[in-house]
Amino acid sequence: MESFVHLRKGKTPRRAHADLEGQKDDELGRGGFTGRTANLYRREDPTAFRAKGPLRPRDVLSSELKPSDATDANGAPLLMFSNADCQVLLSRRAEAMPFFARYVDGDLLSFVHEGSGLLETEFGPLRYRRGDWVYLPKACTWRQVPDEPSTWLMIQATDEFRVPPAGYLGRHFPFDPTLAVIPDPQPLSTGEGPQHEGGYEVRLFHAPIDGVGTTSLFYEHHPLDVEGWRGDNFAFTFNIDDYNVVTSDSVHLPPTVHLFMQATGVYIMNFLPKPAEGVPGTERTPWYHRNVDYDEIAFFHGGSLYGIPMPPGLISHAPQGIHHGAPEKARERARRKFDDYRSVDWQVIAVDTRRRLVPSAEILANDLGQHA
């Protein structure tokens, strides 16, 4: 029964997520850290297991994955995970698109892990750089022209992405919309850009129909001929350097406070550099958990955790119901080095989904097998 007064049984620390004295802090909670919660204080590390069967954590180095757009200008991003609410893809485009793209099944939100370049969109040109979030509305026509090979983590939601409610933070919400880069219209004329014998190709990306996942439209005129626009549905970029992190000195806050954007069943979070918790005894690393209502994907962008480098480009998938969390040696180091570090320098992009994610064949083939 949910109640303001929580029960306490057996040997427990006085404060939540603090003063563990050798116990392992394991949270069993509902609603992605916002619902009913039980903190279980265990003797042993709950992530010390081997898995037999399809439901297991997966860890993959993105550098080992081979999207076709990495070597072929006509190629496409690689599907990594999917469910009814979203697709999670990886792009490593090195050359300019010889076509224009239009994702017609949902909004597209992409994180720039590496590279820089130009996006030509119906709303106008947008420059992108490392650390940018790139938002493209459903069915927006666009073309990517990289300055250098560019690695993108891409999330296409079936529903539209929206900024979450600010709640009590109000205008101090971490995502300041005045820092988003919004394009000005710059119509392109017929004769500019890539053309084929059939005209300008606009390639529609969609769920497979009779086994085919793209449809091409051909225009005689340039498809990016927009002279002006108005409204509240538009493309933009936003860099993680401009995201304000919510912190606490006395407790490690749940991942939900770092929510950036959301769609039905899909939640995007930024875990970024911040001051470390300073009250002695406070645990500075996320507690063990099994996030029973959400699958989690962590994309490691860079940084370090108390002197331990984060592996850039690592993609970690934790299915709902299975324990995960920082390894015990990292927790012990954080306690031992409490007075040596005043900040957490990690850069991790998180994608949580309400429905179970299905890994693609490429993910299964490149799994590092850490729980096999």
Protein backbone atom coordinates (compact mmCIF):
# COMPACT_ATOMS: atom_id res chain seq x y z
CA MET A 1 0.00 0.00 0.00
CA GLU A 2 1.34 3.44 -0.97
CA SER A 3 1.61 5.80 1.97
CA PHE A 4 3.46 8.93 3.03
CA VAL A 5 4.83 6.84 5.93
CA HIS A 6 7.20 4.22 4.52
CA LEU A 7 7.88 1.06 6.46
CA ARG A 8 11.35 0.04 7.68
CA LYS A 9 12.22 -3.57 8.54
CA GLY A 10 15.48 -5.25 9.54
CA LYS A 11 18.93 -3.68 9.18
CA THR A 12 18.74 -0.48 7.14
CA PRO A 13 20.81 2.72 6.98
CA ARG A 14 19.27 5.81 8.54
CA ARG A 15 19.45 7.84 5.30
CA ALA A 16 18.41 6.71 1.84
CA HIS A 17 21.38 5.96 -0.48
CA ALA A 18 23.93 6.74 2.25
CA ASP A 19 25.96 5.18 5.08
CA LEU A 20 25.64 1.63 3.73
CA GLU A 21 28.35 0.07 5.94
CA GLY A 22 29.02 -2.76 3.49
CA GLN A 23 25.45 -3.39 2.42
CA LYS A 24 24.43 -3.26 -1.24
CA ASP A 25 21.68 -0.72 -2.00
CA ASP A 26 19.15 -2.25 -4.42
CA GLU A 27 16.04 -0.31 -5.43
CA LEU A 28 12.89 -2.12 -6.55
CA GLY A 29 10.58 0.63 -7.73
CA ARG A 30 7.68 1.32 -10.08
CA GLY A 31 7.15 4.04 -12.64
CA GLY A 32 10.79 4.65 -13.47
CA PHE A 33 11.85 6.00 -10.03
CA THR A 34 8.66 8.06 -9.58
CA GLY A 35 6.29 5.44 -8.14
CA ARG A 36 6.21 3.09 -5.15
CA THR A 37 9.67 2.02 -4.03
CA ALA A 38 11.39 -0.62 -1.93
CA ASN A 39 15.07 -0.20 -1.07
CA LEU A 40 16.51 -3.65 -0.42
CA TYR A 41 19.80 -3.79 1.47
CA ARG A 42 21.65 -6.89 0.35
CA ARG A 43 24.83 -8.67 1.34
CA GLU A 44 26.11 -9.32 -2.19
CA ASP A 45 26.35 -7.55 -5.56
CA PRO A 46 23.03 -8.23 -7.40
CA THR A 47 24.68 -7.71 -10.81
CA ALA A 48 27.05 -10.66 -10.30
CA PHE A 49 25.18 -13.16 -12.47
CA ARG A 50 25.42 -15.10 -15.72
CA ALA A 51 22.43 -15.06 -18.06
CA LYS A 52 21.10 -17.94 -20.14
CA GLY A 53 18.32 -17.01 -22.53
CA PRO A 54 17.38 -13.99 -24.67
CA LEU A 55 16.54 -11.53 -21.87
CA ARG A 56 19.93 -10.23 -20.77
CA PRO A 57 21.94 -7.01 -20.68
CA ARG A 58 23.79 -6.19 -23.90
CA ASP A 59 26.94 -4.10 -24.28
CA VAL A 60 28.18 -3.10 -27.73
CA LEU A 61 30.93 -0.78 -28.95
CA SER A 62 29.40 1.48 -31.57
CA SER A 63 32.73 1.56 -33.40
CA GLU A 64 32.24 -2.14 -34.20
CA LEU A 65 28.83 -1.59 -35.81
CA LYS A 66 28.70 -0.95 -39.55
CA PRO A 67 25.86 1.31 -40.73
CA SER A 68 25.81 1.32 -44.52
CA ASP A 69 25.99 5.13 -44.57
CA ALA A 70 29.54 4.91 -43.17
CA THR A 71 30.91 3.65 -46.49
CA ASP A 72 28.16 4.38 -49.02
CA ALA A 73 26.72 7.86 -49.62
CA ASN A 74 23.46 6.17 -50.60
CA GLY A 75 23.48 4.12 -47.38
CA ALA A 76 21.26 4.43 -44.33
CA PRO A 77 21.52 4.32 -40.52
CA LEU A 78 21.66 0.94 -38.76
CA LEU A 79 18.67 -0.20 -36.71
CA MET A 80 19.87 -1.24 -33.23
CA PHE A 81 16.73 -1.54 -31.07
CA SER A 82 13.00 -1.20 -31.68
CA ASN A 83 9.54 -1.53 -30.20
CA ALA A 84 6.07 -0.23 -31.04
CA ASP A 85 6.95 3.25 -29.73
CA CYS A 86 10.38 3.89 -31.21
CA GLN A 87 13.43 2.88 -33.19
CA VAL A 88 16.99 3.47 -31.97
CA LEU A 89 19.49 3.76 -34.81
CA LEU A 90 23.16 4.52 -35.41
CA SER A 91 24.49 6.66 -38.27
CA ARG A 92 28.16 7.17 -39.17
CA ARG A 93 27.73 9.20 -42.34
CA ALA A 94 30.97 10.33 -44.00
CA GLU A 95 29.66 11.82 -47.27
CA ALA A 96 26.88 14.21 -48.21
CA MET A 97 23.50 12.64 -48.90
CA PRO A 98 22.87 12.41 -52.67
CA PHE A 99 19.16 12.45 -51.73
CA PHE A 100 16.85 14.21 -49.29
CA ALA A 101 15.48 12.27 -46.30
CA ARG A 102 12.00 12.27 -44.78
CA TYR A 103 11.20 10.06 -41.75
CA VAL A 104 7.45 9.57 -41.97
CA ASP A 105 6.74 7.28 -38.98
CA GLY A 106 7.55 9.80 -36.24
CA ASP A 107 9.68 12.64 -34.90
CA LEU A 108 13.45 12.19 -35.14
CA LEU A 109 15.75 13.21 -32.27
CA SER A 110 19.47 12.63 -32.88
CA PHE A 111 22.54 13.09 -30.70
CA VAL A 112 25.84 14.07 -32.37
CA HIS A 113 28.54 11.92 -30.78
CA GLU A 114 31.24 12.86 -33.29
CA GLY A 115 31.62 15.20 -36.22
CA SER A 116 30.21 18.43 -37.56
CA GLY A 117 28.49 19.62 -40.68
CA LEU A 118 25.41 21.15 -42.25
CA LEU A 119 21.77 20.14 -42.25
CA GLU A 120 19.68 21.50 -45.07
CA THR A 121 16.05 21.52 -43.87
CA GLU A 122 12.72 22.90 -45.02
CA PHE A 123 12.97 25.43 -42.17
CA GLY A 124 16.41 26.59 -43.28
CA PRO A 125 20.05 25.54 -42.81
CA LEU A 126 21.29 24.26 -39.43
CA ARG A 127 24.92 23.69 -38.49
CA TYR A 128 25.56 20.75 -36.17
CA ARG A 129 28.55 19.92 -33.96
CA ARG A 130 29.69 17.44 -31.34
CA GLY A 131 27.31 17.35 -28.37
CA ASP A 132 24.30 18.69 -30.29
CA TRP A 133 20.80 17.32 -30.09
CA VAL A 134 19.16 17.64 -33.50
CA TYR A 135 15.34 17.68 -33.59
CA LEU A 136 13.52 17.09 -36.89
CA PRO A 137 9.71 16.97 -36.89
CA LYS A 138 7.91 13.99 -38.36
CA ALA A 139 7.93 14.09 -42.19
CA CYS A 140 10.31 17.07 -42.31
CA THR A 141 12.50 16.98 -45.44
CA TRP A 142 16.23 17.36 -44.81
CA ARG A 143 19.70 16.53 -46.11
CA GLN A 144 22.94 15.97 -44.20
CA VAL A 145 26.23 17.39 -45.53
CA PRO A 146 29.05 16.36 -43.14
CA ASP A 147 32.24 18.39 -42.79
CA GLU A 148 33.81 15.20 -41.40
CA PRO A 149 32.62 11.66 -40.57
CA SER A 150 29.72 12.09 -38.16
CA THR A 151 28.39 9.58 -35.62
CA TRP A 152 24.76 10.07 -34.59
CA LEU A 153 22.60 8.23 -32.08
CA MET A 154 19.10 8.52 -33.59
CA ILE A 155 15.74 7.96 -31.88
CA GLN A 156 12.59 7.97 -33.97
CA ALA A 157 9.44 8.06 -31.85
CA THR A 158 6.06 6.96 -33.13
CA ASP A 159 4.53 9.80 -31.14
CA GLU A 160 5.89 13.36 -31.15
CA PHE A 161 8.76 14.43 -28.89
CA ARG A 162 7.85 17.16 -26.39
CA VAL A 163 9.67 19.05 -23.67
CA PRO A 164 8.50 17.57 -20.32
CA PRO A 165 6.53 19.71 -17.87
CA ALA A 166 8.81 22.00 -15.86
CA GLY A 167 6.98 21.35 -12.57
CA TYR A 168 8.20 23.30 -9.56
CA LEU A 169 11.42 24.31 -11.39
CA GLY A 170 9.39 26.56 -13.67
CA ARG A 171 11.60 28.75 -15.83
CA HIS A 172 14.66 27.24 -14.15
CA PHE A 173 14.01 23.94 -15.93
CA PRO A 174 17.37 22.54 -17.22
CA PHE A 175 16.40 22.88 -20.90
CA ASP A 176 16.40 26.63 -21.64
CA PRO A 177 14.60 26.97 -25.01
CA THR A 178 16.18 30.37 -25.65
CA LEU A 179 19.50 28.51 -26.15
CA ALA A 180 18.14 26.30 -28.92
CA VAL A 181 19.39 27.15 -32.42
CA ILE A 182 16.39 27.66 -34.74
CA PRO A 183 16.93 28.08 -38.49
CA ASP A 184 15.93 31.00 -40.66
CA PRO A 185 14.41 30.13 -44.03
CA GLN A 186 16.82 30.02 -46.96
CA PRO A 187 15.04 28.68 -50.04
CA LEU A 188 17.17 26.72 -52.48
CA SER A 189 16.64 27.10 -56.19
CA THR A 190 16.13 24.46 -58.82
CA GLY A 191 19.54 23.56 -60.18
CA GLU A 192 21.23 23.56 -56.77
CA GLY A 193 22.03 20.39 -54.85
CA PRO A 194 21.98 16.71 -55.87
CA GLN A 195 19.85 15.79 -58.87
CA HIS A 196 19.19 12.55 -60.70
CA GLU A 197 17.72 11.74 -64.09
CA GLY A 198 14.32 11.59 -62.43
CA GLY A 199 14.83 14.90 -60.62
CA TYR A 200 15.39 15.58 -56.91
CA GLU A 201 14.98 12.41 -54.83
CA VAL A 202 13.20 12.65 -51.49
CA ARG A 203 13.61 9.28 -49.80
CA LEU A 204 10.87 8.35 -47.35
CA PHE A 205 11.95 6.09 -44.47
CA HIS A 206 9.09 4.02 -43.05
CA ALA A 207 8.19 0.69 -41.51
CA PRO A 208 8.62 -2.11 -44.07
CA ILE A 209 5.73 -2.57 -46.48
CA ASP A 210 5.97 -5.91 -48.31
CA GLY A 211 9.55 -6.10 -47.05
CA VAL A 212 10.55 -2.65 -48.38
CA GLY A 213 11.39 0.15 -45.90
CA THR A 214 11.88 3.14 -48.23
CA THR A 215 9.90 4.95 -50.91
CA SER A 216 11.40 7.55 -53.25
CA LEU A 217 9.60 10.65 -54.51
CA PHE A 218 11.10 12.63 -57.39
CA TYR A 219 10.56 16.37 -57.82
CA GLU A 220 11.47 18.53 -60.80
CA HIS A 221 11.86 21.52 -58.46
CA HIS A 222 14.13 21.80 -55.41
CA PRO A 223 12.26 20.32 -52.38
CA LEU A 224 13.77 22.90 -49.97
CA ASP A 225 12.12 25.94 -51.56
CA VAL A 226 10.47 27.32 -48.39
CA GLU A 227 10.61 31.13 -48.28
CA GLY A 228 9.13 31.54 -44.81
CA TRP A 229 7.47 29.68 -41.94
CA ARG A 230 5.54 30.30 -38.72
CA GLY A 231 4.28 28.09 -35.88
CA ASP A 232 5.59 25.96 -33.01
CA ASN A 233 6.62 22.82 -34.91
CA PHE A 234 10.13 23.30 -36.30
CA ALA A 235 13.64 21.86 -36.52
CA PHE A 236 16.30 22.94 -34.03
CA THR A 237 19.60 22.00 -32.41
CA PHE A 238 20.52 22.20 -28.72
CA ASN A 239 23.97 21.47 -27.32
CA ILE A 240 24.48 19.57 -24.06
CA ASP A 241 26.95 22.28 -22.93
CA ASP A 242 23.88 24.50 -22.47
CA TYR A 243 21.92 21.99 -20.37
CA ASN A 244 21.69 22.92 -16.66
CA VAL A 245 22.06 19.93 -14.34
CA VAL A 246 19.85 19.59 -11.25
CA THR A 247 21.96 18.56 -8.24
CA SER A 248 21.80 17.77 -4.52
CA ASP A 249 24.62 17.80 -1.99
CA SER A 250 23.13 15.16 0.30
CA VAL A 251 21.57 12.51 -1.97
CA HIS A 252 22.25 11.11 -5.43
CA LEU A 253 19.17 12.17 -7.39
CA PRO A 254 17.19 9.70 -9.54
CA PRO A 255 17.70 9.73 -13.34
CA THR A 256 14.29 11.30 -13.90
CA VAL A 257 15.53 14.76 -12.84
CA HIS A 258 17.74 14.76 -15.96
CA LEU A 259 14.83 14.32 -18.38
CA PHE A 260 15.38 16.28 -21.60
CA MET A 261 12.56 15.32 -23.98
CA GLN A 262 9.84 12.69 -24.05
CA ALA A 263 7.34 10.99 -26.32
CA THR A 264 4.73 8.37 -25.48
CA GLY A 265 6.70 5.46 -24.01
CA VAL A 266 10.10 7.09 -24.74
CA TYR A 267 12.17 9.24 -22.36
CA ILE A 268 15.51 10.93 -23.19
CA MET A 269 17.91 12.00 -20.42
CA ASN A 270 21.26 13.81 -20.25
CA PHE A 271 23.71 12.67 -17.55
CA LEU A 272 26.30 15.45 -17.63
CA PRO A 273 29.18 16.84 -15.55
CA LYS A 274 28.04 18.10 -12.15
CA PRO A 275 29.30 18.73 -8.61
CA ALA A 276 29.63 15.49 -6.67
CA GLU A 277 27.54 14.97 -3.55
CA GLY A 278 29.48 16.47 -0.63
CA VAL A 279 27.81 15.26 2.58
CA PRO A 280 30.02 12.50 4.07
CA GLY A 281 28.57 9.01 3.73
CA THR A 282 26.41 9.88 0.70
CA GLU A 283 26.63 7.38 -2.15
CA ARG A 284 27.84 9.18 -5.26
CA THR A 285 26.94 6.50 -7.80
CA PRO A 286 23.48 5.37 -8.94
CA TRP A 287 22.15 2.60 -6.73
CA TYR A 288 21.60 -0.91 -8.04
CA HIS A 289 18.18 -1.21 -9.63
CA ARG A 290 16.17 -3.22 -12.13
CA ASN A 291 13.86 -0.39 -13.35
CA VAL A 292 10.98 -2.84 -13.57
CA ASP A 293 8.78 -0.74 -15.87
CA TYR A 294 11.37 0.49 -18.39
CA ASP A 295 14.13 -0.77 -20.64
CA GLU A 296 17.24 1.40 -20.46
CA ILE A 297 19.83 2.28 -23.09
CA ALA A 298 22.96 4.17 -22.03
CA PHE A 299 25.12 5.72 -24.75
CA PHE A 300 28.52 6.73 -23.38
CA HIS A 301 29.60 10.02 -24.95
CA GLY A 302 32.73 10.58 -22.87
CA GLY A 303 34.12 11.86 -19.60
CA SER A 304 35.15 9.93 -16.50
CA LEU A 305 33.78 8.64 -13.22
CA TYR A 306 36.08 9.55 -10.33
CA GLY A 307 39.21 9.11 -12.40
CA ILE A 308 38.00 6.09 -14.39
CA PRO A 309 37.56 6.99 -18.11
CA MET A 310 34.14 6.28 -19.61
CA PRO A 311 34.38 4.18 -22.81
CA PRO A 312 33.29 6.58 -25.61
CA GLY A 313 30.69 5.08 -27.92
CA LEU A 314 29.76 2.15 -25.67
CA ILE A 315 26.07 1.26 -25.95
CA SER A 316 24.60 -0.56 -22.96
CA HIS A 317 21.09 -2.05 -22.95
CA ALA A 318 19.50 -3.12 -19.66
CA PRO A 319 16.11 -4.85 -20.06
CA GLN A 320 13.48 -4.08 -17.43
CA GLY A 321 13.47 -6.51 -14.54
CA ILE A 322 17.22 -7.31 -14.66
CA HIS A 323 19.68 -5.80 -12.19
CA HIS A 324 22.20 -3.26 -13.43
CA GLY A 325 24.31 -0.43 -12.12
CA ALA A 326 27.91 0.70 -11.72
CA PRO A 327 30.22 -2.20 -10.79
CA GLU A 328 31.07 -2.63 -7.13
CA LYS A 329 34.73 -1.67 -7.69
CA ALA A 330 33.59 1.71 -9.04
CA ARG A 331 31.42 2.23 -5.96
CA GLU A 332 34.26 1.33 -3.63
CA ARG A 333 36.57 3.72 -5.46
CA ALA A 334 34.02 6.54 -5.16
CA ARG A 335 33.89 5.98 -1.39
CA ARG A 336 37.65 5.65 -1.03
CA LYS A 337 38.34 8.76 -3.12
CA PHE A 338 35.54 10.82 -1.59
CA ASP A 339 37.83 13.70 -0.64
CA ASP A 340 39.83 13.57 -3.90
CA TYR A 341 37.04 14.40 -6.34
CA ARG A 342 34.60 17.29 -6.20
CA SER A 343 32.79 16.59 -9.46
CA VAL A 344 31.38 13.85 -11.67
CA ASP A 345 32.62 14.33 -15.23
CA TRP A 346 30.51 11.78 -17.07
CA GLN A 347 28.66 12.40 -20.32
CA VAL A 348 26.02 9.73 -20.89
CA ILE A 349 22.89 9.87 -23.01
CA ALA A 350 20.04 7.68 -21.72
CA VAL A 351 16.97 6.36 -23.54
CA ASP A 352 14.28 4.71 -21.41
CA THR A 353 11.32 2.95 -23.03
CA ARG A 354 8.08 1.71 -21.50
CA ARG A 355 7.82 -1.26 -23.87
CA ARG A 356 10.51 -3.89 -24.11
CA LEU A 357 13.16 -3.17 -26.76
CA VAL A 358 14.08 -5.83 -29.31
CA PRO A 359 17.81 -5.86 -30.20
CA SER A 360 18.63 -6.16 -33.90
CA ALA A 361 20.73 -9.00 -35.34
CA GLU A 362 23.74 -6.65 -35.52
CA ILE A 363 23.50 -5.89 -31.79
CA LEU A 364 23.26 -9.59 -30.93
CA ALA A 365 26.23 -10.38 -33.16
CA ASN A 366 28.44 -7.71 -31.54
CA ASP A 367 27.44 -8.19 -27.87
CA LEU A 368 30.52 -8.12 -25.65
CA GLY A 369 28.96 -10.96 -23.63
CA GLN A 370 29.71 -9.57 -20.19
CA HIS A 371 26.87 -11.60 -18.64
CA ALA A 372 27.20 -14.73 -20.75
